Protein backbone atom coordinates (compact mmCIF):
# COMPACT_ATOMS: atom_id res chain seq x y z
CA MET A 1 -9.04 -23.27 10.98
CA ALA A 2 -7.45 -25.08 13.87
CA ALA A 3 -5.26 -23.08 16.36
CA ASP A 4 -2.47 -26.10 15.98
CA GLU A 5 -2.77 -25.78 12.33
CA SER A 6 0.12 -24.55 10.42
CA LEU A 7 -0.79 -21.69 8.12
CA ASP A 8 1.22 -21.09 4.87
CA PHE A 9 1.52 -17.87 3.05
CA ALA A 10 -1.29 -18.39 0.94
CA ALA A 11 -3.91 -19.46 3.86
CA LEU A 12 -2.51 -16.29 5.79
CA GLU A 13 -3.28 -13.94 2.98
CA ARG A 14 -6.61 -15.48 2.67
CA LEU A 15 -7.57 -15.12 6.43
CA GLN A 16 -6.55 -11.78 5.87
CA LEU A 17 -8.50 -10.96 2.81
CA LYS A 18 -11.72 -12.77 4.90
CA GLN A 19 -10.98 -10.29 7.90
CA TRP A 20 -10.80 -7.38 5.70
CA VAL A 21 -14.28 -8.13 3.97
CA ALA A 22 -15.82 -8.92 7.25
CA LEU A 23 -14.77 -5.15 8.63
CA SER A 24 -17.75 -2.75 8.79
CA THR A 25 -17.50 0.18 6.28
CA ALA A 26 -16.84 2.69 9.12
CA ALA A 27 -13.84 0.80 10.11
CA LYS A 28 -12.40 0.88 6.57
CA VAL A 29 -12.98 4.41 6.37
CA ASP A 30 -11.36 4.57 9.70
CA PHE A 31 -8.32 2.65 8.42
CA PHE A 32 -8.05 4.90 5.45
CA GLU A 33 -8.40 8.40 7.31
CA GLU A 34 -5.52 6.88 9.76
CA MET A 35 -3.26 5.82 6.64
CA ILE A 36 -3.88 9.32 5.06
CA GLN A 37 -3.17 10.83 8.26
CA LEU A 38 0.12 8.70 8.32
CA ALA A 39 0.98 10.26 5.10
CA TYR A 40 0.52 13.56 5.92
CA SER A 41 2.27 13.66 9.17
CA SER A 42 5.17 11.83 7.85
CA GLY A 43 5.78 14.39 4.63
CA ALA A 44 4.49 12.32 2.10
CA LEU A 45 2.35 14.38 0.84
CA ARG A 46 4.11 17.33 0.80
CA PRO A 47 3.79 19.02 -2.54
CA GLU A 48 7.53 18.92 -3.66
CA ARG A 49 6.92 15.54 -2.64
CA LEU A 50 4.38 14.59 -4.66
CA ALA A 51 5.91 16.54 -7.64
CA LEU A 52 8.67 13.51 -7.69
CA ARG A 53 6.40 11.17 -9.45
CA ASP A 54 5.45 13.78 -12.35
CA GLN A 55 9.25 14.00 -13.12
CA ALA A 56 10.54 11.74 -16.15
CA SER A 57 11.60 8.22 -15.23
CA PRO A 58 15.19 7.47 -15.00
CA PRO A 59 17.17 6.04 -18.18
CA THR A 60 16.74 1.90 -18.32
CA GLY A 61 20.11 1.49 -19.57
CA ASN A 62 19.07 0.77 -23.12
CA HIS A 63 20.80 2.54 -25.79
CA HIS A 64 17.42 3.69 -27.31
CA ASP A 65 16.87 5.94 -23.84
CA GLN A 66 19.25 8.25 -25.19
CA PRO A 67 17.96 11.43 -26.79
């Protein structure tokens, strides 16, 4: 792609996907490990936080949701 070409969202998305596919497996593993470390250090992987996803979802407001 030429540098002066304007890119729309779809073109940028394709470019990003091509760049990701071109990364080595080692680079992808490094990225994944960094994301896990970030999630861990931010507290997103605390047991009580993970338990939130196991709770029942809130009612949708539909009258069929009532007990």
